[in-house]
Amino acid sequence: MRITIFDYGAGNLHSLAKAVAGADRDVRLETDPRTALATDVLVLPGVGAFGAAADRLAAGRDAMRAAILDGLPTLGICLGMQLLLDASDEGPGAGLGVLGGRVTRLRSQRTPQIGWNTLDAPREPLIAQSGLHTAYYANSFVCRPSDPESVTAWSTHEDDRFAAAVRLRACVGVQFHPEKSSTPGRRFLDSFLRAASRGALPPLDLP
């Protein structure tokens, strides 16, 4: 299985690459958004700022959006999940628009949110079956999807309830960092990759 991590050029992706590595897995970093699509699984990492990442994405935005909507298994982490939406208050540029909605700042007195937080009402089997009840966050901005049915788990920071995870077809987004969420987080990554290799993610749990 080829796993391509799209590199926005913003930071060290070593821990993420190590977390998704495994037997029969070829993990590569790619800075060209169009070349990144020649893969079995696409990973949009959580390092960087929205404006700069959107700029790096722009040349291949339409092609990447089409590939994801066509069923390319994709995992968006933190910023990577935010890039699945239309736009962000954090900076200029267009997201992929795979999911309608906007990224806004957390409605809280304390930002960024750094540390562990609970995952509420998970409908995503990949989360529930991994035993991922709490996850590690490092974020000031969160996703506000237009369609609440796309949200597959929630978290609350102070009084702000926000989307912790989303799914559309074979595309999963998580606002937390699974690679930093201890054994259950790594189990979640492995479950996603195993499901992607079989060609189908498990169906969502009913609300």
C-alpha atoms as a PDB file:
ATOM      1  CA  MET A   1       0.000   0.000   0.000  1.00  0.00           C
ATOM      2  CA  ARG A   2       1.324   3.443  -0.930  1.00  0.00           C
ATOM      3  CA  ILE A   3       0.524   6.124   1.663  1.00  0.00           C
ATOM      4  CA  THR A   4       1.230   9.699   0.608  1.00  0.00           C
ATOM      5  CA  ILE A   5       1.438  12.514   3.154  1.00  0.00           C
ATOM      6  CA  PHE A   6       0.883  15.841   1.426  1.00  0.00           C
ATOM      7  CA  ASP A   7       3.599  18.140   2.762  1.00  0.00           C
ATOM      8  CA  TYR A   8       2.572  21.803   3.017  1.00  0.00           C
ATOM      9  CA  GLY A   9       6.211  22.663   3.816  1.00  0.00           C
ATOM     10  CA  ALA A  10       5.323  23.838   7.320  1.00  0.00           C
ATOM     11  CA  GLY A  11       7.088  21.460   9.676  1.00  0.00           C
ATOM     12  CA  ASN A  12       8.392  18.082  10.729  1.00  0.00           C
ATOM     13  CA  LEU A  13       6.105  15.212   9.740  1.00  0.00           C
ATOM     14  CA  HIS A  14       8.351  12.478  11.112  1.00  0.00           C
ATOM     15  CA  SER A  15       6.045  11.414  13.958  1.00  0.00           C
ATOM     16  CA  LEU A  16       3.075  11.085  11.610  1.00  0.00           C
ATOM     17  CA  ALA A  17       5.077   9.157   9.007  1.00  0.00           C
ATOM     18  CA  LYS A  18       6.296   6.815  11.722  1.00  0.00           C
ATOM     19  CA  ALA A  19       2.767   6.321  13.071  1.00  0.00           C
ATOM     20  CA  VAL A  20       1.348   5.195   9.699  1.00  0.00           C
ATOM     21  CA  ALA A  21       4.348   3.055   8.750  1.00  0.00           C
ATOM     22  CA  GLY A  22       4.111  -0.708   8.837  1.00  0.00           C
ATOM     23  CA  ALA A  23       4.649  -3.914   6.943  1.00  0.00           C
ATOM     24  CA  ASP A  24       3.747  -3.624   3.262  1.00  0.00           C
ATOM     25  CA  ARG A  25       3.248   0.149   3.614  1.00  0.00           C
ATOM     26  CA  ASP A  26       5.251   2.549   1.463  1.00  0.00           C
ATOM     27  CA  VAL A  27       5.040   5.974   3.165  1.00  0.00           C
ATOM     28  CA  ARG A  28       6.061   9.011   1.126  1.00  0.00           C
ATOM     29  CA  LEU A  29       6.026  12.779   1.562  1.00  0.00           C
ATOM     30  CA  GLU A  30       4.929  14.796  -1.461  1.00  0.00           C
ATOM     31  CA  THR A  31       4.856  18.561  -1.950  1.00  0.00           C
ATOM     32  CA  ASP A  32       3.039  18.578  -5.308  1.00  0.00           C
ATOM     33  CA  PRO A  33      -0.725  18.219  -4.769  1.00  0.00           C
ATOM     34  CA  ARG A  34      -1.266  16.575  -8.159  1.00  0.00           C
ATOM     35  CA  THR A  35       1.566  14.073  -7.771  1.00  0.00           C
ATOM     36  CA  ALA A  36       0.253  13.254  -4.297  1.00  0.00           C
ATOM     37  CA  LEU A  37      -2.839  11.723  -5.897  1.00  0.00           C
ATOM     38  CA  ALA A  38      -0.856   8.814  -7.366  1.00  0.00           C
ATOM     39  CA  THR A  39      -1.408   6.844  -4.172  1.00  0.00           C
ATOM     40  CA  ASP A  40      -3.600   4.324  -2.404  1.00  0.00           C
ATOM     41  CA  VAL A  41      -4.176   6.544   0.634  1.00  0.00           C
ATOM     42  CA  LEU A  42      -3.827  10.313   0.946  1.00  0.00           C
ATOM     43  CA  VAL A  43      -3.035  11.912   4.313  1.00  0.00           C
ATOM     44  CA  LEU A  44      -3.495  15.642   4.909  1.00  0.00           C
ATOM     45  CA  PRO A  45      -1.422  16.357   8.029  1.00  0.00           C
ATOM     46  CA  GLY A  46      -2.056  18.742  10.895  1.00  0.00           C
ATOM     47  CA  VAL A  47       1.055  20.897  10.708  1.00  0.00           C
ATOM     48  CA  GLY A  48       0.848  24.478   9.435  1.00  0.00           C
ATOM     49  CA  ALA A  49      -1.553  27.391   8.955  1.00  0.00           C
ATOM     50  CA  PHE A  50      -4.622  27.391   6.715  1.00  0.00           C
ATOM     51  CA  GLY A  51      -3.582  30.254   4.420  1.00  0.00           C
ATOM     52  CA  ALA A  52      -0.146  28.860   3.631  1.00  0.00           C
ATOM     53  CA  ALA A  53      -1.491  25.319   3.204  1.00  0.00           C
ATOM     54  CA  ALA A  54      -4.278  26.504   0.909  1.00  0.00           C
ATOM     55  CA  ASP A  55      -1.692  28.312  -1.194  1.00  0.00           C
ATOM     56  CA  ARG A  56       0.384  25.125  -1.566  1.00  0.00           C
ATOM     57  CA  LEU A  57      -2.793  23.227  -2.428  1.00  0.00           C
ATOM     58  CA  ALA A  58      -4.114  25.706  -4.999  1.00  0.00           C
ATOM     59  CA  ALA A  59      -2.416  24.296  -8.105  1.00  0.00           C
ATOM     60  CA  GLY A  60      -3.984  20.874  -7.568  1.00  0.00           C
ATOM     61  CA  ARG A  61      -7.086  21.808  -5.618  1.00  0.00           C
ATOM     62  CA  ASP A  62      -9.646  20.791  -8.230  1.00  0.00           C
ATOM     63  CA  ALA A  63      -7.875  17.504  -9.002  1.00  0.00           C
ATOM     64  CA  MET A  64      -7.568  16.600  -5.324  1.00  0.00           C
ATOM     65  CA  ARG A  65     -11.192  17.499  -4.636  1.00  0.00           C
ATOM     66  CA  ALA A  66     -12.337  15.333  -7.550  1.00  0.00           C
ATOM     67  CA  ALA A  67     -10.185  12.392  -6.424  1.00  0.00           C
ATOM     68  CA  ILE A  68     -11.554  12.526  -2.870  1.00  0.00           C
ATOM     69  CA  LEU A  69     -15.147  12.773  -4.084  1.00  0.00           C
ATOM     70  CA  ASP A  70     -14.425   9.863  -6.417  1.00  0.00           C
ATOM     71  CA  GLY A  71     -13.497   7.701  -3.431  1.00  0.00           C
ATOM     72  CA  LEU A  72      -9.738   8.110  -2.819  1.00  0.00           C
ATOM     73  CA  PRO A  73      -9.223   7.026   0.824  1.00  0.00           C
ATOM     74  CA  THR A  74      -8.203  10.218   2.587  1.00  0.00           C
ATOM     75  CA  LEU A  75      -7.419  11.093   6.200  1.00  0.00           C
ATOM     76  CA  GLY A  76      -7.335  14.759   7.234  1.00  0.00           C
ATOM     77  CA  ILE A  77      -5.755  15.505  10.615  1.00  0.00           C
ATOM     78  CA  CYS A  78      -6.309  18.823  12.454  1.00  0.00           C
ATOM     79  CA  LEU A  79      -5.429  21.386   9.743  1.00  0.00           C
ATOM     80  CA  GLY A  80      -5.926  18.584   7.229  1.00  0.00           C
ATOM     81  CA  MET A  81      -9.530  18.200   8.374  1.00  0.00           C
ATOM     82  CA  GLN A  82     -10.027  21.975   8.164  1.00  0.00           C
ATOM     83  CA  LEU A  83      -8.794  21.958   4.565  1.00  0.00           C
ATOM     84  CA  LEU A  84     -11.705  19.671   3.671  1.00  0.00           C
ATOM     85  CA  LEU A  85     -14.080  22.623   4.187  1.00  0.00           C
ATOM     86  CA  ASP A  86     -14.625  25.708   2.026  1.00  0.00           C
ATOM     87  CA  ALA A  87     -12.646  28.401   3.847  1.00  0.00           C
ATOM     88  CA  SER A  88     -11.207  29.499   7.180  1.00  0.00           C
ATOM     89  CA  ASP A  89     -11.148  32.598   9.349  1.00  0.00           C
ATOM     90  CA  GLU A  90      -7.504  31.786  10.066  1.00  0.00           C
ATOM     91  CA  GLY A  91      -6.288  32.925   6.684  1.00  0.00           C
ATOM     92  CA  PRO A  92      -7.030  33.506   2.989  1.00  0.00           C
ATOM     93  CA  GLY A  93      -7.395  30.900   0.313  1.00  0.00           C
ATOM     94  CA  ALA A  94      -9.874  28.191  -0.589  1.00  0.00           C
ATOM     95  CA  GLY A  95     -10.151  24.817   1.056  1.00  0.00           C
ATOM     96  CA  LEU A  96     -11.011  21.706  -0.892  1.00  0.00           C
ATOM     97  CA  GLY A  97     -14.752  22.187  -0.445  1.00  0.00           C
ATOM     98  CA  VAL A  98     -15.260  18.445  -0.038  1.00  0.00           C
ATOM     99  CA  LEU A  99     -17.543  19.361   2.856  1.00  0.00           C
ATOM    100  CA  GLY A 100     -19.497  22.594   2.947  1.00  0.00           C
ATOM    101  CA  GLY A 101     -18.773  24.874   5.869  1.00  0.00           C
ATOM    102  CA  ARG A 102     -16.230  27.216   7.397  1.00  0.00           C
ATOM    103  CA  VAL A 103     -13.425  27.015   9.917  1.00  0.00           C
ATOM    104  CA  THR A 104     -13.736  29.486  12.791  1.00  0.00           C
ATOM    105  CA  ARG A 105     -11.832  30.283  15.965  1.00  0.00           C
ATOM    106  CA  LEU A 106     -12.810  28.404  19.097  1.00  0.00           C
ATOM    107  CA  ARG A 107     -15.458  30.288  21.059  1.00  0.00           C
ATOM    108  CA  SER A 108     -13.553  30.158  24.326  1.00  0.00           C
ATOM    109  CA  GLN A 109     -11.459  32.319  26.614  1.00  0.00           C
ATOM    110  CA  ARG A 110      -8.523  29.920  26.528  1.00  0.00           C
ATOM    111  CA  THR A 111      -6.928  29.290  23.145  1.00  0.00           C
ATOM    112  CA  PRO A 112      -5.209  27.364  21.827  1.00  0.00           C
ATOM    113  CA  GLN A 113      -6.678  24.160  23.149  1.00  0.00           C
ATOM    114  CA  ILE A 114      -3.656  22.014  23.969  1.00  0.00           C
ATOM    115  CA  GLY A 115      -4.037  18.661  25.667  1.00  0.00           C
ATOM    116  CA  TRP A 116      -6.510  15.838  26.082  1.00  0.00           C
ATOM    117  CA  ASN A 117     -10.244  16.123  25.504  1.00  0.00           C
ATOM    118  CA  THR A 118     -13.151  13.710  25.463  1.00  0.00           C
ATOM    119  CA  LEU A 119     -14.747  12.407  22.275  1.00  0.00           C
ATOM    120  CA  ASP A 120     -18.545  12.529  22.586  1.00  0.00           C
ATOM    121  CA  ALA A 121     -21.211  10.499  20.789  1.00  0.00           C
ATOM    122  CA  PRO A 122     -18.876   8.853  18.265  1.00  0.00           C
ATOM    123  CA  ARG A 123     -20.720   7.472  15.220  1.00  0.00           C
ATOM    124  CA  GLU A 124     -17.418   6.592  13.574  1.00  0.00           C
ATOM    125  CA  PRO A 125     -16.712   2.872  14.160  1.00  0.00           C
ATOM    126  CA  LEU A 126     -13.010   3.445  13.533  1.00  0.00           C
ATOM    127  CA  ILE A 127     -12.988   5.660  16.642  1.00  0.00           C
ATOM    128  CA  ALA A 128     -15.267   3.547  18.823  1.00  0.00           C
ATOM    129  CA  GLN A 129     -13.577   0.245  17.997  1.00  0.00           C
ATOM    130  CA  SER A 130     -10.141   1.696  18.696  1.00  0.00           C
ATOM    131  CA  GLY A 131     -11.062   2.531  22.281  1.00  0.00           C
ATOM    132  CA  LEU A 132     -10.337   6.194  21.557  1.00  0.00           C
ATOM    133  CA  HIS A 133     -12.374   7.893  24.279  1.00  0.00           C
ATOM    134  CA  THR A 134     -10.047  10.862  24.754  1.00  0.00           C
ATOM    135  CA  ALA A 135      -7.693  12.383  22.196  1.00  0.00           C
ATOM    136  CA  TYR A 136      -4.872  14.910  22.040  1.00  0.00           C
ATOM    137  CA  TYR A 137      -5.618  18.349  20.584  1.00  0.00           C
ATOM    138  CA  ALA A 138      -3.475  21.338  19.642  1.00  0.00           C
ATOM    139  CA  ASN A 139      -5.744  23.857  17.912  1.00  0.00           C
ATOM    140  CA  SER A 140      -7.246  27.327  18.003  1.00  0.00           C
ATOM    141  CA  PHE A 141      -9.631  26.817  15.064  1.00  0.00           C
ATOM    142  CA  VAL A 142     -12.368  24.250  14.504  1.00  0.00           C
ATOM    143  CA  CYS A 143     -14.636  23.073  11.701  1.00  0.00           C
ATOM    144  CA  ARG A 144     -18.277  24.154  11.417  1.00  0.00           C
ATOM    145  CA  PRO A 145     -19.673  21.824   8.709  1.00  0.00           C
ATOM    146  CA  SER A 146     -22.872  22.962   7.000  1.00  0.00           C
ATOM    147  CA  ASP A 147     -24.317  19.460   7.234  1.00  0.00           C
ATOM    148  CA  PRO A 148     -24.298  18.137  10.824  1.00  0.00           C
ATOM    149  CA  GLU A 149     -24.847  14.621   9.462  1.00  0.00           C
ATOM    150  CA  SER A 150     -21.232  14.652   8.277  1.00  0.00           C
ATOM    151  CA  VAL A 151     -20.051  14.953  11.895  1.00  0.00           C
ATOM    152  CA  THR A 152     -19.178  11.561  13.373  1.00  0.00           C
ATOM    153  CA  ALA A 153     -17.879  12.646  16.804  1.00  0.00           C
ATOM    154  CA  TRP A 154     -17.921  15.800  18.941  1.00  0.00           C
ATOM    155  CA  SER A 155     -15.764  17.444  21.589  1.00  0.00           C
ATOM    156  CA  THR A 156     -16.383  20.450  23.844  1.00  0.00           C
ATOM    157  CA  HIS A 157     -13.824  23.064  24.871  1.00  0.00           C
ATOM    158  CA  GLU A 158     -15.215  25.320  27.602  1.00  0.00           C
ATOM    159  CA  ASP A 159     -18.728  25.987  26.219  1.00  0.00           C
ATOM    160  CA  ASP A 160     -17.917  25.427  22.547  1.00  0.00           C
ATOM    161  CA  ARG A 161     -19.084  22.080  21.121  1.00  0.00           C
ATOM    162  CA  PHE A 162     -17.295  21.409  17.859  1.00  0.00           C
ATOM    163  CA  ALA A 163     -16.796  18.657  15.301  1.00  0.00           C
ATOM    164  CA  ALA A 164     -14.114  16.240  16.450  1.00  0.00           C
ATOM    165  CA  ALA A 165     -14.484  14.002  13.391  1.00  0.00           C
ATOM    166  CA  VAL A 166     -16.233  13.996  10.024  1.00  0.00           C
ATOM    167  CA  ARG A 167     -16.706  11.507   7.233  1.00  0.00           C
ATOM    168  CA  LEU A 168     -17.727  11.657   3.581  1.00  0.00           C
ATOM    169  CA  ARG A 169     -17.467   8.383   1.653  1.00  0.00           C
ATOM    170  CA  ALA A 170     -13.864   7.162   2.083  1.00  0.00           C
ATOM    171  CA  CYS A 171     -12.693  10.506   3.491  1.00  0.00           C
ATOM    172  CA  VAL A 172     -12.283  10.860   7.265  1.00  0.00           C
ATOM    173  CA  GLY A 173     -11.294  14.046   9.056  1.00  0.00           C
ATOM    174  CA  VAL A 174     -10.283  14.345  12.706  1.00  0.00           C
ATOM    175  CA  GLN A 175      -9.592  17.569  14.570  1.00  0.00           C
ATOM    176  CA  PHE A 176      -7.353  15.789  17.083  1.00  0.00           C
ATOM    177  CA  HIS A 177      -3.925  14.268  16.514  1.00  0.00           C
ATOM    178  CA  PRO A 178      -4.219  10.467  16.518  1.00  0.00           C
ATOM    179  CA  GLU A 179      -0.443  10.069  16.199  1.00  0.00           C
ATOM    180  CA  LYS A 180      -0.134  11.829  19.586  1.00  0.00           C
ATOM    181  CA  SER A 181      -3.130  10.105  21.202  1.00  0.00           C
ATOM    182  CA  SER A 182      -1.273   7.145  22.705  1.00  0.00           C
ATOM    183  CA  THR A 183      -2.072   3.529  21.831  1.00  0.00           C
ATOM    184  CA  PRO A 184      -5.774   4.074  20.950  1.00  0.00           C
ATOM    185  CA  GLY A 185      -4.804   6.854  18.528  1.00  0.00           C
ATOM    186  CA  ARG A 186      -2.306   4.643  16.738  1.00  0.00           C
ATOM    187  CA  ARG A 187      -4.896   1.865  16.726  1.00  0.00           C
ATOM    188  CA  PHE A 188      -7.306   4.266  15.015  1.00  0.00           C
ATOM    189  CA  LEU A 189      -4.727   5.022  12.319  1.00  0.00           C
ATOM    190  CA  ASP A 190      -4.107   1.338  11.770  1.00  0.00           C
ATOM    191  CA  SER A 191      -7.855   0.620  11.579  1.00  0.00           C
ATOM    192  CA  PHE A 192      -8.327   3.339   8.964  1.00  0.00           C
ATOM    193  CA  LEU A 193      -5.460   2.035   6.847  1.00  0.00           C
ATOM    194  CA  ARG A 194      -6.629  -1.574   7.094  1.00  0.00           C
ATOM    195  CA  ALA A 195     -10.147  -0.553   6.054  1.00  0.00           C
ATOM    196  CA  ALA A 196      -8.749   1.492   3.165  1.00  0.00           C
ATOM    197  CA  SER A 197      -6.705  -1.500   2.002  1.00  0.00           C
ATOM    198  CA  ARG A 198      -9.894  -3.602   1.908  1.00  0.00           C
ATOM    199  CA  GLY A 199     -11.558  -0.947  -0.221  1.00  0.00           C
ATOM    200  CA  ALA A 200     -14.378  -0.013   2.164  1.00  0.00           C
ATOM    201  CA  LEU A 201     -14.686   1.790   5.484  1.00  0.00           C
ATOM    202  CA  PRO A 202     -17.139   0.316   7.991  1.00  0.00           C
ATOM    203  CA  PRO A 203     -20.622   1.872   7.858  1.00  0.00           C
ATOM    204  CA  LEU A 204     -21.348   4.672  10.289  1.00  0.00           C
ATOM    205  CA  ASP A 205     -23.281   3.854  13.426  1.00  0.00           C
ATOM    206  CA  LEU A 206     -26.822   5.152  13.456  1.00  0.00           C
ATOM    207  CA  PRO A 207     -27.312   8.386  15.449  1.00  0.00           C
END
